[in-house]
Protein backbone atom coordinates (compact mmCIF):
# COMPACT_ATOMS: atom_id res chain seq x y z
CA MET A 1 -7.14 57.58 -196.32
CA THR A 2 -3.82 57.26 -198.05
CA THR A 3 -3.74 55.81 -201.58
CA THR A 4 -0.58 54.04 -202.60
CA THR A 5 0.27 54.10 -206.27
CA THR A 6 2.96 52.13 -208.00
CA ALA A 7 5.10 54.21 -210.27
CA LYS A 8 5.32 52.79 -213.75
CA LYS A 9 8.34 53.45 -215.90
CA ARG A 10 7.95 54.55 -219.48
CA ASP A 11 10.06 53.34 -222.40
CA THR A 12 11.75 55.64 -224.90
CA ASP A 13 8.49 55.92 -226.87
CA GLY A 14 6.55 57.04 -223.81
CA ARG A 15 4.71 53.72 -223.38
CA PHE A 16 4.45 52.11 -219.96
CA LYS A 17 6.76 49.19 -219.47
CA LYS A 18 5.22 45.96 -218.30
CA ALA A 19 6.77 44.68 -215.12
CA SER A 20 7.96 41.11 -215.50
CA ASN A 21 10.30 38.80 -213.71
CA GLY A 22 10.63 36.54 -216.77
CA THR A 23 8.25 33.88 -215.46
CA THR A 24 5.62 34.40 -218.16
CA SER A 25 8.22 34.47 -220.92
CA ASN A 26 9.87 31.30 -219.66
CA ALA A 27 6.50 29.60 -219.36
CA ASN A 28 5.66 30.50 -222.97
CA LEU A 29 9.00 29.16 -224.12
CA GLY A 30 8.32 25.98 -222.19
CA VAL A 31 4.94 25.55 -223.86
CA ILE A 32 6.45 26.12 -227.30
CA ALA A 33 9.30 23.70 -226.63
CA GLY A 34 6.86 21.11 -225.30
CA ALA A 35 4.65 21.45 -228.36
CA ALA A 36 7.64 21.13 -230.67
CA THR A 37 8.83 18.00 -228.86
CA ALA A 38 5.34 16.49 -228.97
CA GLY A 39 5.07 17.30 -232.67
CA ALA A 40 8.42 15.68 -233.37
CA ALA A 41 7.39 12.60 -231.38
CA ILE A 42 4.09 12.33 -233.28
CA GLY A 43 5.96 12.70 -236.58
CA MET A 44 8.42 9.99 -235.57
CA LEU A 45 5.61 7.63 -234.56
CA ALA A 46 3.81 8.29 -237.84
CA MET A 47 6.97 7.52 -239.80
CA LEU A 48 7.61 4.32 -237.84
CA GLY A 49 3.99 3.31 -238.33
CA ARG A 50 4.27 3.82 -242.08
CA LYS A 51 7.50 1.81 -242.19
CA ALA A 52 5.92 -0.99 -240.15
CA ALA A 53 2.93 -1.10 -242.50
CA VAL A 54 5.19 -1.30 -245.55
CA GLN A 55 7.37 -4.04 -244.06
CA ALA A 56 4.53 -5.98 -242.40
CA PRO A 57 3.70 -8.35 -245.32
CA SER A 58 7.34 -9.46 -245.49
CA ALA A 59 7.75 -9.65 -241.71
CA LEU A 60 4.62 -11.81 -241.35
CA ALA A 61 5.58 -14.28 -244.09
CA ALA A 62 6.54 -17.84 -243.18
CA ASP A 63 10.22 -17.36 -243.99
CA TRP A 64 12.60 -15.11 -245.91
CA ALA A 65 12.06 -16.85 -249.26
CA ALA A 66 8.27 -16.60 -248.91
CA ALA A 67 8.62 -12.94 -247.93
CA LEU A 68 10.66 -12.14 -251.03
CA ALA A 69 8.17 -14.00 -253.23
CA LEU A 70 5.38 -11.82 -251.80
CA GLU A 71 7.41 -8.72 -252.67
CA HIS A 72 7.84 -10.04 -256.21
CA LYS A 73 4.06 -10.37 -256.54
CA ALA A 74 3.54 -6.83 -255.24
CA VAL A 75 5.90 -5.47 -257.91
CA LEU A 76 4.11 -7.43 -260.64
CA LYS A 77 0.83 -5.80 -259.56
CA ILE A 78 2.42 -2.41 -260.18
CA PHE A 79 3.46 -3.64 -263.63
CA ASP A 80 -0.18 -4.63 -264.22
CA ALA A 81 -1.37 -1.16 -263.25
CA LEU A 82 1.24 0.52 -265.47
CA GLU A 83 0.41 -1.65 -268.46
CA ALA A 84 -3.25 -0.68 -268.07
CA THR A 85 -2.45 3.03 -268.52
CA GLU A 86 -2.74 5.04 -271.72
CA SER A 87 -0.29 7.62 -273.05
CA ARG A 88 -2.45 10.46 -271.69
CA ASN A 89 -2.13 9.07 -268.14
CA THR A 90 1.27 10.70 -267.62
CA THR A 91 0.76 11.60 -263.94
CA LYS A 92 -0.49 8.13 -263.08
CA ARG A 93 2.48 6.56 -264.84
CA SER A 94 4.88 8.78 -262.88
CA ILE A 95 3.24 7.88 -259.56
CA LEU A 96 3.19 4.14 -260.28
CA LEU A 97 6.77 4.21 -261.49
CA ALA A 98 7.82 5.96 -258.26
CA GLN A 99 6.03 3.26 -256.25
CA MET A 100 7.78 0.55 -258.24
CA LYS A 101 11.15 2.21 -257.79
CA HIS A 102 10.68 2.38 -254.01
CA ALA A 103 9.48 -1.24 -253.79
CA LEU A 104 12.42 -2.49 -255.85
CA ALA A 105 14.91 -0.34 -253.93
CA LYS A 106 13.77 -1.89 -250.64
CA HIS A 107 13.85 -5.35 -252.23
CA ASP A 108 17.36 -4.70 -253.56
CA VAL A 109 18.60 -3.74 -250.09
CA GLU A 110 17.11 -6.88 -248.53
CA GLU A 111 18.55 -9.24 -251.12
CA GLY A 112 21.81 -7.40 -251.74
CA ASN A 113 22.69 -6.88 -248.07
CA VAL A 114 21.49 -10.21 -246.68
CA ILE A 115 20.50 -12.97 -249.10
CA TYR A 116 23.20 -12.65 -251.76
CA PRO A 117 25.98 -12.50 -249.13
CA ALA A 118 24.45 -15.66 -247.62
CA LEU A 119 24.68 -17.31 -251.04
CA ARG A 120 28.37 -16.40 -251.23
CA GLU A 121 28.92 -17.62 -247.68
CA ALA A 122 27.35 -20.94 -248.72
CA GLY A 123 29.94 -21.26 -251.50
CA ARG A 124 27.63 -20.10 -254.29
CA THR A 125 29.47 -16.99 -255.39
CA GLU A 126 28.75 -17.39 -259.10
CA GLU A 127 25.00 -17.48 -258.50
CA ALA A 128 25.16 -14.47 -256.18
CA ASP A 129 27.17 -12.50 -258.75
CA HIS A 130 24.67 -13.41 -261.47
CA LEU A 131 21.75 -12.13 -259.40
CA THR A 132 23.64 -8.97 -258.47
CA LYS A 133 24.29 -8.31 -262.16
CA ASP A 134 20.56 -8.70 -262.85
CA HIS A 135 19.86 -6.00 -260.27
CA GLY A 136 22.13 -3.67 -262.22
CA TYR A 137 19.98 -4.13 -265.34
CA ILE A 138 16.82 -3.58 -263.28
CA LYS A 139 18.19 -0.21 -262.15
CA GLN A 140 19.01 0.63 -265.76
CA TYR A 141 15.43 -0.06 -266.83
CA LEU A 142 14.10 2.11 -264.01
CA TYR A 143 16.46 4.92 -264.98
CA GLU A 144 15.39 4.80 -268.63
CA LEU A 145 11.66 4.69 -267.83
CA GLU A 146 11.96 7.48 -265.29
CA ASN A 147 13.73 9.74 -267.78
CA MET A 148 11.50 8.90 -270.73
CA PRO A 149 8.50 11.18 -271.45
CA LYS A 150 5.53 9.34 -269.95
CA ASP A 151 3.49 9.84 -273.12
CA ASN A 152 6.23 8.37 -275.31
CA PRO A 153 4.77 5.62 -277.57
CA GLU A 154 7.77 3.46 -276.61
CA PHE A 155 7.01 3.65 -272.86
CA LEU A 156 4.88 0.50 -272.73
CA THR A 157 7.22 -1.35 -275.10
CA LYS A 158 10.18 -0.76 -272.79
CA LEU A 159 8.04 -1.53 -269.73
CA ARG A 160 7.09 -4.92 -271.18
CA ARG A 161 10.72 -5.76 -271.97
CA PHE A 162 11.54 -4.81 -268.40
CA ARG A 163 8.77 -7.06 -267.10
CA ALA A 164 9.94 -10.02 -269.16
CA ASP A 165 13.49 -9.70 -267.82
CA ILE A 166 12.49 -9.16 -264.19
CA GLU A 167 10.02 -12.06 -264.27
CA LYS A 168 12.82 -14.33 -265.48
CA HIS A 169 14.96 -13.12 -262.58
CA MET A 170 12.13 -13.64 -260.08
CA THR A 171 11.32 -17.13 -261.36
CA GLU A 172 14.96 -18.19 -261.10
CA GLU A 173 15.10 -16.97 -257.50
CA GLU A 174 11.75 -18.44 -256.43
CA THR A 175 11.97 -21.86 -258.11
CA GLU A 176 15.68 -22.64 -257.99
CA LEU A 177 18.13 -20.53 -256.03
CA PHE A 178 16.19 -19.53 -252.93
CA PRO A 179 14.63 -22.95 -252.21
CA SER A 180 18.00 -24.66 -252.61
CA LEU A 181 19.74 -22.12 -250.36
CA ARG A 182 17.03 -22.46 -247.71
CA ALA A 183 17.39 -26.26 -247.82
CA GLN A 184 21.17 -25.95 -247.50
CA LEU A 185 20.95 -23.84 -244.32
CA SER A 186 19.92 -24.81 -240.81
CA ASP A 187 16.61 -23.67 -239.32
CA GLU A 188 18.50 -21.35 -237.02
CA LYS A 189 20.38 -19.76 -239.92
CA ASN A 190 17.18 -19.35 -241.95
CA LYS A 191 15.51 -17.59 -239.01
CA ALA A 192 18.54 -15.32 -238.64
CA LEU A 193 18.39 -14.47 -242.35
CA ALA A 194 14.69 -13.61 -242.08
CA ALA A 195 15.33 -11.32 -239.11
CA ALA A 196 18.29 -9.62 -240.80
CA MET A 197 16.36 -9.19 -244.05
CA ASN A 198 13.41 -7.56 -242.29
CA LYS A 199 15.73 -5.28 -240.36
CA GLU A 200 17.32 -4.08 -243.61
CA GLY A 201 13.94 -3.68 -245.27
CA PHE A 202 12.55 -1.65 -242.39
CA LYS A 203 15.39 0.85 -242.75
CA VAL A 204 14.28 1.83 -246.24
CA ALA A 205 10.56 0.99 -246.07
């Protein structure tokens, strides 16, 4: 009986080399690439889901003015939570302030990129400029609170001044400017504004 043996080549260290035509290596690379693609897809879906959840209350509102009023109420709830903190609650204050900053940033994009231009287009430039100026002061308040030590005795004092000013701005929008603009525009234009506003909000949600 003749036994056939396959000669194995050794590498420079004297170890046997493993015969391979590259199939196993390519298969492993394919598995890794597939897993990476799947992971990226899952991450993208998770991000889109989070954005949809954040924008949902506004998107489901009756119209753009109602949606913005809901966002106002959500911000005021954050004010409530902040005002209930004590000076030792520095971490909680930082977290709530970050939430408020994000909510107001999204709100600013929606109003600044869609609603205020619509006011100007409707011939109400002075009102649009006034509201835009208010947004500048809102950003100033956020900057000052963010850079102030969270246990500073003046933190709540400044926060309450901020609330008083932003509530005045919100009331003016909700009771005067937005209802009158909505009444001035056609149903079709109001629907278009709502769609455009939600599109802008989704980008930064």
